[in-house]
Amino acid sequence: MAKRFPIRPSHPERNCWGCDRYCAAGDMICGNGTERTQHPVELFGDDWREWEAEAAEQASGQRPDPNAPVQG
């Protein structure tokens, strides 16, 4: 079973978010590449979950339930 994905980690720059291992940025043992995968909060800001919900709403034409579990 996959680890729970943290919504707002305190220091997202310290980990690679490319797989379920969440390796330290300097110790990527999964072979995911030479650069770490950034957390969505680093790419889209603190409101990244709302941005994701807005994109889903535009794609489907209806407003998603904000209390529904995230699928992925």
N, C-alpha and C. Protein backbone atom coordinates (compact mmCIF):
# COMPACT_ATOMS: atom_id res chain seq x y z
N MET A 1 0.84 -1.17 0.00
CA MET A 1 0.00 0.00 0.00
C MET A 1 0.89 1.24 0.00
N ALA A 2 0.49 2.24 -0.74
CA ALA A 2 1.27 3.46 -0.86
C ALA A 2 1.15 4.31 0.41
N LYS A 3 2.20 5.07 0.68
CA LYS A 3 2.16 5.99 1.81
C LYS A 3 1.18 7.12 1.50
N ARG A 4 0.66 7.73 2.54
CA ARG A 4 -0.23 8.88 2.36
C ARG A 4 0.60 10.05 1.84
N PHE A 5 0.06 10.76 0.89
CA PHE A 5 0.76 11.90 0.30
C PHE A 5 0.52 13.13 1.16
N PRO A 6 1.57 13.74 1.70
CA PRO A 6 1.37 14.92 2.56
C PRO A 6 0.86 16.12 1.76
N ILE A 7 -0.13 16.81 2.30
CA ILE A 7 -0.74 17.96 1.64
C ILE A 7 0.17 19.19 1.73
N ARG A 8 0.65 19.48 2.93
CA ARG A 8 1.51 20.65 3.15
C ARG A 8 2.73 20.23 3.98
N PRO A 9 3.75 19.63 3.35
CA PRO A 9 4.94 19.26 4.11
C PRO A 9 5.70 20.52 4.55
N SER A 10 6.37 20.45 5.69
CA SER A 10 7.05 21.63 6.20
C SER A 10 8.27 22.01 5.37
N HIS A 11 8.99 21.04 4.84
CA HIS A 11 10.16 21.31 4.00
C HIS A 11 10.12 20.41 2.76
N PRO A 12 9.28 20.74 1.78
CA PRO A 12 9.15 19.87 0.60
C PRO A 12 10.43 19.77 -0.23
N GLU A 13 11.29 20.77 -0.12
CA GLU A 13 12.53 20.77 -0.90
C GLU A 13 13.53 19.72 -0.44
N ARG A 14 13.31 19.11 0.70
CA ARG A 14 14.23 18.11 1.24
C ARG A 14 14.01 16.71 0.69
N ASN A 15 12.88 16.48 0.02
CA ASN A 15 12.55 15.14 -0.47
C ASN A 15 12.29 15.14 -1.96
N CYS A 16 12.40 13.94 -2.54
CA CYS A 16 11.97 13.72 -3.91
C CYS A 16 10.58 13.11 -3.81
N TRP A 17 9.63 13.63 -4.60
CA TRP A 17 8.24 13.20 -4.51
C TRP A 17 7.84 12.33 -5.69
N GLY A 18 8.82 11.75 -6.40
CA GLY A 18 8.55 11.01 -7.62
C GLY A 18 7.99 9.61 -7.44
N CYS A 19 8.11 9.03 -6.26
CA CYS A 19 7.57 7.69 -6.03
C CYS A 19 7.11 7.59 -4.57
N ASP A 20 6.73 6.42 -4.13
CA ASP A 20 6.22 6.24 -2.78
C ASP A 20 7.31 6.21 -1.71
N ARG A 21 8.56 6.28 -2.10
CA ARG A 21 9.64 6.22 -1.11
C ARG A 21 9.92 7.57 -0.47
N TYR A 22 9.65 8.67 -1.16
CA TYR A 22 9.92 10.02 -0.67
C TYR A 22 11.35 10.13 -0.14
N CYS A 23 12.30 9.76 -0.99
CA CYS A 23 13.72 9.77 -0.63
C CYS A 23 14.21 11.17 -0.33
N ALA A 24 15.28 11.25 0.45
CA ALA A 24 15.93 12.54 0.67
C ALA A 24 16.48 13.03 -0.66
N ALA A 25 16.50 14.34 -0.85
CA ALA A 25 16.91 14.92 -2.13
C ALA A 25 18.31 14.50 -2.55
N GLY A 26 19.19 14.27 -1.61
CA GLY A 26 20.55 13.86 -1.93
C GLY A 26 20.75 12.36 -1.99
N ASP A 27 19.72 11.57 -1.77
CA ASP A 27 19.85 10.11 -1.69
C ASP A 27 18.68 9.44 -2.40
N MET A 28 18.57 9.66 -3.70
CA MET A 28 17.44 9.09 -4.44
C MET A 28 17.79 7.66 -4.87
N ILE A 29 17.34 6.70 -4.06
CA ILE A 29 17.70 5.31 -4.29
C ILE A 29 16.82 4.61 -5.31
N CYS A 30 15.72 5.24 -5.71
CA CYS A 30 14.79 4.57 -6.63
C CYS A 30 15.26 4.66 -8.08
N GLY A 31 16.24 5.49 -8.38
CA GLY A 31 16.68 5.64 -9.76
C GLY A 31 15.72 6.47 -10.58
N ASN A 32 14.96 7.35 -9.93
CA ASN A 32 13.97 8.17 -10.60
C ASN A 32 14.61 9.19 -11.53
N GLY A 33 15.87 9.41 -11.41
CA GLY A 33 16.56 10.39 -12.25
C GLY A 33 17.62 11.11 -11.46
N THR A 34 18.20 12.10 -12.07
CA THR A 34 19.26 12.83 -11.39
C THR A 34 18.74 14.05 -10.66
N GLU A 35 17.51 14.45 -10.95
CA GLU A 35 16.89 15.58 -10.26
C GLU A 35 15.65 15.09 -9.54
N ARG A 36 15.39 15.70 -8.43
CA ARG A 36 14.23 15.28 -7.65
C ARG A 36 12.94 15.81 -8.26
N THR A 37 11.87 15.10 -8.02
CA THR A 37 10.54 15.53 -8.44
C THR A 37 9.99 16.46 -7.38
N GLN A 38 9.51 17.64 -7.78
CA GLN A 38 9.02 18.61 -6.82
C GLN A 38 7.61 18.26 -6.34
N HIS A 39 7.32 18.71 -5.13
CA HIS A 39 5.99 18.56 -4.54
C HIS A 39 5.07 19.59 -5.21
N PRO A 40 3.79 19.30 -5.39
CA PRO A 40 2.87 20.27 -6.01
C PRO A 40 2.84 21.63 -5.33
N VAL A 41 3.07 21.67 -4.01
CA VAL A 41 3.08 22.96 -3.32
C VAL A 41 4.23 23.84 -3.81
N GLU A 42 5.32 23.22 -4.25
CA GLU A 42 6.44 23.98 -4.80
C GLU A 42 6.13 24.50 -6.20
N LEU A 43 5.36 23.75 -6.94
CA LEU A 43 5.05 24.13 -8.31
C LEU A 43 3.87 25.09 -8.41
N PHE A 44 2.82 24.86 -7.61
CA PHE A 44 1.57 25.59 -7.76
C PHE A 44 1.22 26.48 -6.57
N GLY A 45 1.97 26.41 -5.48
CA GLY A 45 1.68 27.23 -4.31
C GLY A 45 0.85 26.49 -3.27
N ASP A 46 0.59 27.18 -2.17
CA ASP A 46 -0.13 26.55 -1.06
C ASP A 46 -1.56 26.14 -1.38
N ASP A 47 -2.15 26.75 -2.40
CA ASP A 47 -3.53 26.41 -2.76
C ASP A 47 -3.60 25.40 -3.91
N TRP A 48 -2.62 24.53 -4.02
CA TRP A 48 -2.57 23.60 -5.14
C TRP A 48 -3.75 22.64 -5.17
N ARG A 49 -4.32 22.29 -4.05
CA ARG A 49 -5.48 21.38 -4.06
C ARG A 49 -6.72 22.07 -4.61
N GLU A 50 -6.87 23.36 -4.33
CA GLU A 50 -7.99 24.10 -4.89
C GLU A 50 -7.82 24.25 -6.40
N TRP A 51 -6.58 24.48 -6.83
CA TRP A 51 -6.29 24.59 -8.26
C TRP A 51 -6.64 23.28 -8.97
N GLU A 52 -6.30 22.16 -8.35
CA GLU A 52 -6.61 20.85 -8.91
C GLU A 52 -8.13 20.66 -9.00
N ALA A 53 -8.87 21.10 -7.99
CA ALA A 53 -10.33 20.98 -7.99
C ALA A 53 -10.94 21.85 -9.09
N GLU A 54 -10.40 23.06 -9.28
CA GLU A 54 -10.90 23.93 -10.34
C GLU A 54 -10.66 23.32 -11.72
N ALA A 55 -9.51 22.71 -11.91
CA ALA A 55 -9.20 22.07 -13.20
C ALA A 55 -10.15 20.90 -13.44
N ALA A 56 -10.45 20.13 -12.41
CA ALA A 56 -11.38 19.00 -12.55
C ALA A 56 -12.78 19.51 -12.86
N GLU A 57 -13.16 20.62 -12.24
CA GLU A 57 -14.48 21.20 -12.48
C GLU A 57 -14.61 21.65 -13.93
N GLN A 58 -13.59 22.30 -14.45
CA GLN A 58 -13.63 22.77 -15.83
C GLN A 58 -13.65 21.60 -16.80
N ALA A 59 -12.95 20.55 -16.48
CA ALA A 59 -12.90 19.39 -17.38
C ALA A 59 -14.22 18.63 -17.40
N SER A 60 -14.88 18.52 -16.26
CA SER A 60 -16.11 17.74 -16.18
C SER A 60 -17.38 18.58 -16.31
N GLY A 61 -17.26 19.87 -16.08
CA GLY A 61 -18.43 20.73 -16.16
C GLY A 61 -19.24 20.76 -14.88
N GLN A 62 -18.77 20.09 -13.81
CA GLN A 62 -19.48 20.12 -12.54
C GLN A 62 -18.49 20.31 -11.41
N ARG A 63 -18.96 20.81 -10.29
CA ARG A 63 -18.09 21.11 -9.15
C ARG A 63 -17.86 19.84 -8.33
N PRO A 64 -16.59 19.45 -8.10
CA PRO A 64 -16.31 18.26 -7.29
C PRO A 64 -16.55 18.53 -5.81
N ASP A 65 -16.81 17.46 -5.07
CA ASP A 65 -17.02 17.56 -3.63
C ASP A 65 -15.67 17.80 -2.95
N PRO A 66 -15.46 18.93 -2.20
CA PRO A 66 -14.18 19.21 -1.59
C PRO A 66 -13.81 18.24 -0.47
N ASN A 67 -14.79 17.49 0.06
CA ASN A 67 -14.53 16.53 1.12
C ASN A 67 -14.29 15.12 0.58
N ALA A 68 -14.37 14.95 -0.72
CA ALA A 68 -14.16 13.63 -1.31
C ALA A 68 -12.69 13.29 -1.26
N PRO A 69 -12.35 12.00 -1.09
CA PRO A 69 -10.94 11.60 -1.07
C PRO A 69 -10.29 11.82 -2.44
N VAL A 70 -9.01 12.16 -2.41
CA VAL A 70 -8.27 12.38 -3.65
C VAL A 70 -7.93 11.05 -4.26
N GLN A 71 -8.20 10.88 -5.54
CA GLN A 71 -7.88 9.64 -6.25
C GLN A 71 -6.56 9.82 -6.97
N GLY A 72 -5.79 8.78 -7.02
CA GLY A 72 -4.54 8.94 -7.74
C GLY A 72 -3.62 7.81 -7.62
